[in-house]
Amino acid sequence: MVQFHKGLCPLRHARNGASSSGTIYLPQHSQESLNPAVLAFHKDKSHKYITTRYRSENRVREDTPQVMNSVILDDDTLSIVLAVKGLLKDLRARGLDDDTIDSLILRDGPGRIILDRRGILTLPDYGGVKIYLNPMERSLYTLMLRHEEGISAEDFWMYYDELCRIYGSRTVYDNPDQIEAAVDALCDDSRATLQTNISRIKRKLVEKVGKNAASLYAITRDKEGVYRISVPRNLVTLD
């Protein structure tokens, strides 16, 4: 059980942070408001709410479910999360933007990828993050995962039949006309639909794992105009 005490957190600048012992310390400036007090860690754009109520005698009166990104956290894990969030806030206050922070803590290389037939892209080595890809996005991403050597923009039409088979087998669509219309758009010479889907996939990755990590999993284009996904294929699972 997490204990709560008035006083500054041992982590110097981690406001509302937690020590490694599982004790959460409240900043001194919050003492006046505890009679009784309510401290709420509200949801931001990437986390669900965590709300904890305190009584003035420093005992926990009521804890709501401690949930973050649909994961139930135990007290020790919650303490670590709160401490890390405090330290990240301190780094931002020192002038580091999110991209810089990402680059400092980024793992050495890409992790595993699992893509199932429902279009759920899972990254087990990034906390099990799950990203939904719509039928056109998942068909394109599946094709790129199958071809580690990459595909040039001018050559996508050469994979027309394969794209049709992927679209038909990995989506709920079985109408040949619908499948061909979607693949026609992906292989069109204007490449507008191709670029739109590449951008959408990248944006979804950025929203979940940040810009730097997303570059490891996104479909990228090199100077020769060849599109590829850089993840080693021994890390890829297509369910």
Protein backbone atom coordinates (compact mmCIF):
# COMPACT_ATOMS: atom_id res chain seq x y z
CA MET A 1 0.00 0.00 0.00
CA VAL A 2 1.32 3.42 -0.87
CA GLN A 3 1.78 5.76 2.09
CA PHE A 4 1.38 9.51 1.87
CA HIS A 5 3.29 12.08 3.88
CA LYS A 6 3.68 15.82 3.88
CA GLY A 7 7.11 16.99 2.91
CA LEU A 8 9.30 17.35 -0.13
CA CYS A 9 9.93 14.37 -2.34
CA PRO A 10 13.48 12.95 -2.02
CA LEU A 11 13.62 13.25 -5.83
CA ARG A 12 14.44 16.89 -5.71
CA HIS A 13 12.21 18.27 -8.42
CA ALA A 14 9.68 15.43 -8.86
CA ARG A 15 6.56 17.17 -7.66
CA ASN A 16 3.94 14.78 -6.38
CA GLY A 17 6.52 12.12 -7.03
CA ALA A 18 7.33 8.92 -5.24
CA SER A 19 10.31 7.41 -3.49
CA SER A 20 11.59 3.95 -4.25
CA SER A 21 10.08 2.75 -0.98
CA GLY A 22 6.57 3.26 -2.32
CA THR A 23 5.96 6.40 -0.24
CA ILE A 24 4.45 9.36 -2.08
CA TYR A 25 5.41 12.73 -0.62
CA LEU A 26 3.26 15.82 -0.94
CA PRO A 27 4.98 19.18 -1.51
CA GLN A 28 4.96 21.54 1.48
CA HIS A 29 2.87 24.11 -0.36
CA SER A 30 0.00 21.63 -0.54
CA GLN A 31 -0.23 21.13 3.23
CA GLU A 32 -2.57 24.06 3.75
CA SER A 33 -5.10 22.56 1.35
CA LEU A 34 -5.28 19.21 3.13
CA ASN A 35 -8.23 19.59 5.53
CA PRO A 36 -9.47 17.40 3.89
CA ALA A 37 -7.75 17.58 0.52
CA VAL A 38 -8.20 16.09 -2.90
CA LEU A 39 -5.25 15.52 -5.14
CA ALA A 40 -6.12 14.51 -8.69
CA PHE A 41 -3.77 13.33 -11.32
CA HIS A 42 -5.98 14.06 -14.28
CA LYS A 43 -5.74 12.42 -17.64
CA ASP A 44 -3.64 13.98 -20.35
CA LYS A 45 -3.81 13.14 -24.05
CA SER A 46 -1.97 9.85 -23.64
CA HIS A 47 -3.08 8.61 -20.18
CA LYS A 48 -6.32 7.78 -18.49
CA TYR A 49 -7.16 9.28 -15.14
CA ILE A 50 -5.69 8.35 -11.80
CA THR A 51 -7.48 9.97 -8.87
CA THR A 52 -6.54 9.51 -5.24
CA ARG A 53 -8.28 11.09 -2.25
CA TYR A 54 -6.46 11.85 0.96
CA ARG A 55 -7.58 12.60 4.48
CA SER A 56 -5.91 15.29 6.54
CA GLU A 57 -4.51 12.73 8.96
CA ASN A 58 -2.43 11.35 6.08
CA ARG A 59 -4.41 8.14 5.67
CA VAL A 60 -5.81 6.95 2.36
CA ARG A 61 -9.58 7.22 2.53
CA GLU A 62 -10.44 5.98 -0.93
CA ASP A 63 -8.52 4.88 -4.02
CA THR A 64 -10.19 4.71 -7.40
CA PRO A 65 -8.87 2.05 -9.80
CA GLN A 66 -5.33 2.98 -10.78
CA VAL A 67 -5.58 2.68 -14.52
CA MET A 68 -3.24 3.98 -17.21
CA ASN A 69 -3.59 3.13 -20.88
CA SER A 70 -6.00 0.32 -19.91
CA VAL A 71 -3.35 -1.26 -17.63
CA ILE A 72 -4.12 -1.72 -13.93
CA LEU A 73 -1.09 -0.59 -11.93
CA ASP A 74 -0.06 -1.87 -8.53
CA ASP A 75 1.09 0.62 -5.90
CA ASP A 76 4.82 0.19 -6.54
CA THR A 77 4.42 0.59 -10.30
CA LEU A 78 2.21 3.63 -9.84
CA SER A 79 4.86 5.20 -7.60
CA ILE A 80 7.50 4.72 -10.30
CA VAL A 81 5.20 6.16 -12.98
CA LEU A 82 4.50 9.26 -10.92
CA ALA A 83 8.20 9.75 -10.20
CA VAL A 84 9.10 9.41 -13.88
CA LYS A 85 6.37 11.87 -14.89
CA GLY A 86 7.77 14.35 -12.38
CA LEU A 87 11.29 13.96 -13.74
CA LEU A 88 10.07 14.37 -17.31
CA LYS A 89 8.35 17.58 -16.28
CA ASP A 90 11.63 18.77 -14.77
CA LEU A 91 13.49 17.99 -18.00
CA ARG A 92 10.96 20.01 -20.00
CA ALA A 93 11.33 22.87 -17.53
CA ARG A 94 15.07 22.80 -18.26
CA GLY A 95 14.37 23.42 -21.93
CA LEU A 96 14.39 19.93 -23.42
CA ASP A 97 11.60 19.28 -25.89
CA ASP A 98 9.89 15.89 -26.25
CA ASP A 99 11.89 14.91 -29.34
CA THR A 100 15.17 15.52 -27.50
CA ILE A 101 13.98 13.53 -24.49
CA ASP A 102 12.89 10.70 -26.80
CA SER A 103 16.33 10.62 -28.43
CA LEU A 104 18.04 10.41 -25.04
CA ILE A 105 15.98 7.47 -23.78
CA LEU A 106 15.37 5.71 -27.11
CA ARG A 107 16.22 2.02 -27.16
CA ASP A 108 19.20 1.02 -29.31
CA GLY A 109 17.11 -0.29 -32.19
CA PRO A 110 13.65 -1.40 -33.25
CA GLY A 111 11.80 -3.99 -31.25
CA ARG A 112 9.32 -6.67 -32.18
CA ILE A 113 6.27 -6.11 -34.39
CA ILE A 114 3.09 -8.17 -34.38
CA LEU A 115 0.43 -7.41 -36.99
CA ASP A 116 -2.77 -9.45 -36.88
CA ARG A 117 -5.57 -9.84 -39.39
CA ARG A 118 -7.77 -7.36 -37.53
CA GLY A 119 -5.26 -4.62 -38.26
CA ILE A 120 -3.88 -4.40 -34.72
CA LEU A 121 -0.20 -3.49 -34.81
CA THR A 122 1.41 -4.41 -31.47
CA LEU A 123 4.86 -3.29 -30.28
CA PRO A 124 5.70 -5.64 -27.37
CA ASP A 125 8.98 -3.89 -26.56
CA TYR A 126 7.27 -0.51 -26.19
CA GLY A 127 4.95 -1.47 -23.39
CA GLY A 128 2.70 -3.57 -25.62
CA VAL A 129 1.42 -0.48 -27.45
CA LYS A 130 -1.40 -1.32 -29.86
CA ILE A 131 -2.17 0.68 -32.99
CA TYR A 132 -5.19 0.09 -35.22
CA LEU A 133 -4.56 0.18 -38.96
CA ASN A 134 -7.55 0.46 -41.28
CA PRO A 135 -7.86 -2.02 -44.19
CA MET A 136 -5.86 0.04 -46.68
CA GLU A 137 -3.16 0.91 -44.14
CA ARG A 138 -2.76 -2.68 -42.96
CA SER A 139 -2.62 -4.01 -46.53
CA LEU A 140 0.13 -1.53 -47.41
CA TYR A 141 2.02 -2.18 -44.18
CA THR A 142 1.77 -5.95 -44.66
CA LEU A 143 3.15 -5.66 -48.19
CA MET A 144 6.09 -3.59 -46.94
CA LEU A 145 6.82 -6.06 -44.14
CA ARG A 146 6.91 -8.87 -46.69
CA HIS A 147 9.51 -7.07 -48.81
CA GLU A 148 12.49 -6.16 -46.68
CA GLU A 149 14.41 -5.01 -49.76
CA GLY A 150 11.91 -2.20 -50.25
CA ILE A 151 9.72 -1.08 -53.15
CA SER A 152 10.20 2.00 -55.30
CA ALA A 153 7.20 4.24 -55.88
CA GLU A 154 7.29 3.49 -59.61
CA ASP A 155 7.14 -0.26 -59.01
CA PHE A 156 4.10 -0.54 -56.76
CA TRP A 157 1.96 -1.59 -59.72
CA MET A 158 4.14 -4.72 -60.01
CA TYR A 159 2.72 -5.82 -56.64
CA TYR A 160 -0.89 -5.25 -57.66
CA ASP A 161 -1.94 -8.92 -57.49
CA GLU A 162 -0.17 -9.45 -54.16
CA LEU A 163 -1.87 -6.38 -52.71
CA CYS A 164 -5.24 -7.69 -53.87
CA ARG A 165 -4.58 -11.02 -52.14
CA ILE A 166 -3.48 -9.27 -48.95
CA TYR A 167 -6.50 -6.97 -48.99
CA GLY A 168 -8.83 -9.92 -49.51
CA SER A 169 -7.28 -12.13 -46.84
CA ARG A 170 -6.52 -9.59 -44.11
CA THR A 171 -9.70 -7.50 -44.23
CA VAL A 172 -13.43 -8.20 -44.08
CA TYR A 173 -13.85 -7.19 -47.70
CA ASP A 174 -14.40 -10.00 -50.18
CA ASN A 175 -16.02 -8.05 -53.01
CA PRO A 176 -13.52 -8.09 -55.92
CA ASP A 177 -14.65 -4.69 -57.15
CA GLN A 178 -14.08 -3.08 -53.74
CA ILE A 179 -10.69 -4.73 -53.38
CA GLU A 180 -9.54 -3.66 -56.83
CA ALA A 181 -10.75 -0.10 -56.31
CA ALA A 182 -8.67 0.15 -53.11
CA VAL A 183 -5.57 -1.36 -54.69
CA ASP A 184 -6.00 0.79 -57.82
CA ALA A 185 -5.83 3.85 -55.57
CA LEU A 186 -2.66 2.62 -53.83
CA CYS A 187 -0.93 1.90 -57.13
CA ASP A 188 -2.11 5.03 -58.94
CA ASP A 189 0.62 7.00 -60.73
CA SER A 190 -0.24 10.14 -58.78
CA ARG A 191 0.75 8.29 -55.59
CA ALA A 192 -1.59 10.55 -53.61
CA THR A 193 -3.34 7.64 -51.83
CA LEU A 194 -0.03 5.91 -51.23
CA GLN A 195 1.46 8.99 -49.58
CA THR A 196 -1.70 9.63 -47.55
CA ASN A 197 -1.63 6.12 -46.06
CA ILE A 198 2.11 6.26 -45.35
CA SER A 199 1.56 9.58 -43.52
CA ARG A 200 -1.40 8.22 -41.55
CA ILE A 201 0.56 5.18 -40.39
CA LYS A 202 3.46 7.37 -39.30
CA ARG A 203 1.15 9.77 -37.46
CA LYS A 204 -0.44 6.89 -35.54
CA LEU A 205 3.01 5.62 -34.56
CA VAL A 206 4.16 9.08 -33.46
CA GLU A 207 1.07 9.51 -31.28
CA LYS A 208 1.86 6.25 -29.46
CA VAL A 209 5.67 6.06 -29.21
CA GLY A 210 6.99 9.50 -30.16
CA LYS A 211 8.69 10.82 -33.27
CA ASN A 212 12.08 9.14 -32.87
CA ALA A 213 10.78 5.68 -32.03
CA ALA A 214 8.16 5.95 -34.78
CA SER A 215 10.89 6.35 -37.38
CA LEU A 216 12.02 2.79 -36.61
CA TYR A 217 8.63 1.35 -37.54
CA ALA A 218 7.28 3.76 -40.15
CA ILE A 219 7.43 3.31 -43.91
CA THR A 220 10.30 5.56 -44.99
CA ARG A 221 11.69 6.60 -48.36
CA ASP A 222 15.40 6.81 -49.10
CA LYS A 223 17.23 9.11 -51.54
CA GLU A 224 16.73 6.60 -54.35
CA GLY A 225 12.96 6.73 -53.88
CA VAL A 226 12.70 3.24 -52.35
CA TYR A 227 10.13 2.71 -49.59
CA ARG A 228 10.86 0.24 -46.79
CA ILE A 229 10.36 -0.60 -43.13
CA SER A 230 13.73 -0.93 -41.39
CA VAL A 231 12.72 -3.49 -38.74
CA PRO A 232 14.70 -6.75 -39.12
CA ARG A 233 12.29 -9.42 -40.27
CA ASN A 234 13.26 -11.84 -37.52
CA LEU A 235 11.41 -9.40 -35.22
CA VAL A 236 8.24 -9.43 -37.33
CA THR A 237 5.20 -11.65 -36.78
CA LEU A 238 2.24 -11.61 -39.16
CA ASP A 239 -0.68 -13.41 -37.55
